[in-house]
Amino acid sequence: MSVHCNEQATSLFTGLLPPLLGLGFLNAILFTSYNATAQSIQQVIHRYPLTTAWSAGAVAGLACWIVSAPTELYSSSCWHRF
């Protein structure tokens, strides 16, 4: 009850912006790379089979992994310092 009396309603949202921006950035990379890869493969194959979806998903996952792996490594190393 003392936290409720001492803090404002905005303190519930403190620290929420950086994770939301990071997830938004990763989702933008994911969807953009998936759509670009799927369209490129579809232009060559001229249809949209399951292998096209799988290949586009793999490329999109790789693109997200390249961006998120270093940031997650840094984040986890910061947690281990405390």
C-alpha atoms as a PDB file:
ATOM      1  CA  MET A   1       0.000   0.000   0.000  1.00  0.00           C
ATOM      2  CA  SER A   2       2.895   2.373   0.635  1.00  0.00           C
ATOM      3  CA  VAL A   3       4.042   2.097  -2.982  1.00  0.00           C
ATOM      4  CA  HIS A   4       0.601   3.158  -4.138  1.00  0.00           C
ATOM      5  CA  CYS A   5       0.676   6.188  -1.851  1.00  0.00           C
ATOM      6  CA  ASN A   6       4.221   7.272  -2.753  1.00  0.00           C
ATOM      7  CA  GLU A   7       4.236   6.708  -6.516  1.00  0.00           C
ATOM      8  CA  GLN A   8       2.240   8.241  -9.343  1.00  0.00           C
ATOM      9  CA  ALA A   9       0.243   6.382 -11.963  1.00  0.00           C
ATOM     10  CA  THR A  10       2.932   7.106 -14.569  1.00  0.00           C
ATOM     11  CA  SER A  11       5.486   5.088 -12.604  1.00  0.00           C
ATOM     12  CA  LEU A  12       3.739   1.931 -13.843  1.00  0.00           C
ATOM     13  CA  PHE A  13       4.966   2.761 -17.340  1.00  0.00           C
ATOM     14  CA  THR A  14       8.524   3.743 -16.420  1.00  0.00           C
ATOM     15  CA  GLY A  15      10.995   1.757 -18.478  1.00  0.00           C
ATOM     16  CA  LEU A  16       8.391   0.493 -20.922  1.00  0.00           C
ATOM     17  CA  LEU A  17       9.488   2.499 -23.961  1.00  0.00           C
ATOM     18  CA  PRO A  18      12.888   0.875 -24.737  1.00  0.00           C
ATOM     19  CA  PRO A  19      11.567  -2.711 -24.882  1.00  0.00           C
ATOM     20  CA  LEU A  20       8.597  -1.626 -26.994  1.00  0.00           C
ATOM     21  CA  LEU A  21      10.836   0.209 -29.442  1.00  0.00           C
ATOM     22  CA  GLY A  22      13.185  -2.752 -29.631  1.00  0.00           C
ATOM     23  CA  LEU A  23      10.383  -5.202 -30.318  1.00  0.00           C
ATOM     24  CA  GLY A  24       8.880  -2.874 -32.896  1.00  0.00           C
ATOM     25  CA  PHE A  25      12.241  -2.646 -34.647  1.00  0.00           C
ATOM     26  CA  LEU A  26      12.649  -6.435 -34.655  1.00  0.00           C
ATOM     27  CA  ASN A  27       9.111  -6.937 -35.971  1.00  0.00           C
ATOM     28  CA  ALA A  28       9.805  -4.437 -38.747  1.00  0.00           C
ATOM     29  CA  ILE A  29      12.925  -6.376 -39.731  1.00  0.00           C
ATOM     30  CA  LEU A  30      11.044  -9.674 -39.551  1.00  0.00           C
ATOM     31  CA  PHE A  31       8.094  -8.675 -41.720  1.00  0.00           C
ATOM     32  CA  THR A  32      10.135  -6.645 -44.198  1.00  0.00           C
ATOM     33  CA  SER A  33      12.687  -9.384 -44.786  1.00  0.00           C
ATOM     34  CA  TYR A  34       9.975 -12.060 -44.997  1.00  0.00           C
ATOM     35  CA  ASN A  35       7.955 -10.114 -47.588  1.00  0.00           C
ATOM     36  CA  ALA A  36      10.997  -9.177 -49.663  1.00  0.00           C
ATOM     37  CA  THR A  37      12.292 -12.750 -49.677  1.00  0.00           C
ATOM     38  CA  ALA A  38       8.880 -14.249 -50.459  1.00  0.00           C
ATOM     39  CA  GLN A  39       8.368 -11.840 -53.368  1.00  0.00           C
ATOM     40  CA  SER A  40      11.829 -12.563 -54.750  1.00  0.00           C
ATOM     41  CA  ILE A  41      11.282 -16.312 -54.599  1.00  0.00           C
ATOM     42  CA  GLN A  42       7.767 -15.981 -56.001  1.00  0.00           C
ATOM     43  CA  GLN A  43       9.084 -14.062 -59.029  1.00  0.00           C
ATOM     44  CA  VAL A  44      11.401 -16.944 -59.832  1.00  0.00           C
ATOM     45  CA  ILE A  45       9.019 -19.829 -59.082  1.00  0.00           C
ATOM     46  CA  HIS A  46       5.721 -18.089 -60.083  1.00  0.00           C
ATOM     47  CA  ARG A  47       3.727 -19.743 -57.326  1.00  0.00           C
ATOM     48  CA  TYR A  48       3.669 -19.766 -53.543  1.00  0.00           C
ATOM     49  CA  PRO A  49       4.340 -23.283 -52.243  1.00  0.00           C
ATOM     50  CA  LEU A  50       5.216 -24.287 -48.718  1.00  0.00           C
ATOM     51  CA  THR A  51       8.925 -24.245 -49.498  1.00  0.00           C
ATOM     52  CA  THR A  52       8.706 -20.553 -50.402  1.00  0.00           C
ATOM     53  CA  ALA A  53       7.104 -19.750 -47.061  1.00  0.00           C
ATOM     54  CA  TRP A  54       9.673 -21.860 -45.229  1.00  0.00           C
ATOM     55  CA  SER A  55      12.603 -20.257 -47.072  1.00  0.00           C
ATOM     56  CA  ALA A  56      11.297 -16.722 -46.516  1.00  0.00           C
ATOM     57  CA  GLY A  57      10.753 -17.503 -42.838  1.00  0.00           C
ATOM     58  CA  ALA A  58      14.273 -18.860 -42.503  1.00  0.00           C
ATOM     59  CA  VAL A  59      15.773 -15.745 -44.076  1.00  0.00           C
ATOM     60  CA  ALA A  60      13.618 -13.493 -41.878  1.00  0.00           C
ATOM     61  CA  GLY A  61      14.645 -15.436 -38.784  1.00  0.00           C
ATOM     62  CA  LEU A  62      18.291 -15.130 -39.738  1.00  0.00           C
ATOM     63  CA  ALA A  63      17.925 -11.379 -40.228  1.00  0.00           C
ATOM     64  CA  CYS A  64      16.323 -11.003 -36.789  1.00  0.00           C
ATOM     65  CA  TRP A  65      18.942 -13.230 -35.214  1.00  0.00           C
ATOM     66  CA  ILE A  66      21.768 -11.103 -36.628  1.00  0.00           C
ATOM     67  CA  VAL A  67      20.275  -8.014 -35.000  1.00  0.00           C
ATOM     68  CA  SER A  68      18.951  -9.483 -31.757  1.00  0.00           C
ATOM     69  CA  ALA A  69      21.822 -11.796 -30.759  1.00  0.00           C
ATOM     70  CA  PRO A  70      24.351  -9.052 -29.906  1.00  0.00           C
ATOM     71  CA  THR A  71      21.761  -6.963 -28.072  1.00  0.00           C
ATOM     72  CA  GLU A  72      20.547  -9.955 -26.049  1.00  0.00           C
ATOM     73  CA  LEU A  73      24.135 -10.914 -25.241  1.00  0.00           C
ATOM     74  CA  TYR A  74      24.805  -7.413 -23.956  1.00  0.00           C
ATOM     75  CA  SER A  75      21.558  -7.395 -22.007  1.00  0.00           C
ATOM     76  CA  SER A  76      22.249 -10.719 -20.328  1.00  0.00           C
ATOM     77  CA  SER A  77      25.817  -9.708 -19.485  1.00  0.00           C
ATOM     78  CA  CYS A  78      24.457  -6.575 -17.800  1.00  0.00           C
ATOM     79  CA  TRP A  79      22.130  -8.702 -15.674  1.00  0.00           C
ATOM     80  CA  HIS A  80      25.004 -10.899 -14.515  1.00  0.00           C
ATOM     81  CA  ARG A  81      26.939  -7.906 -13.211  1.00  0.00           C
ATOM     82  CA  PHE A  82      24.443  -7.347 -10.435  1.00  0.00           C
END
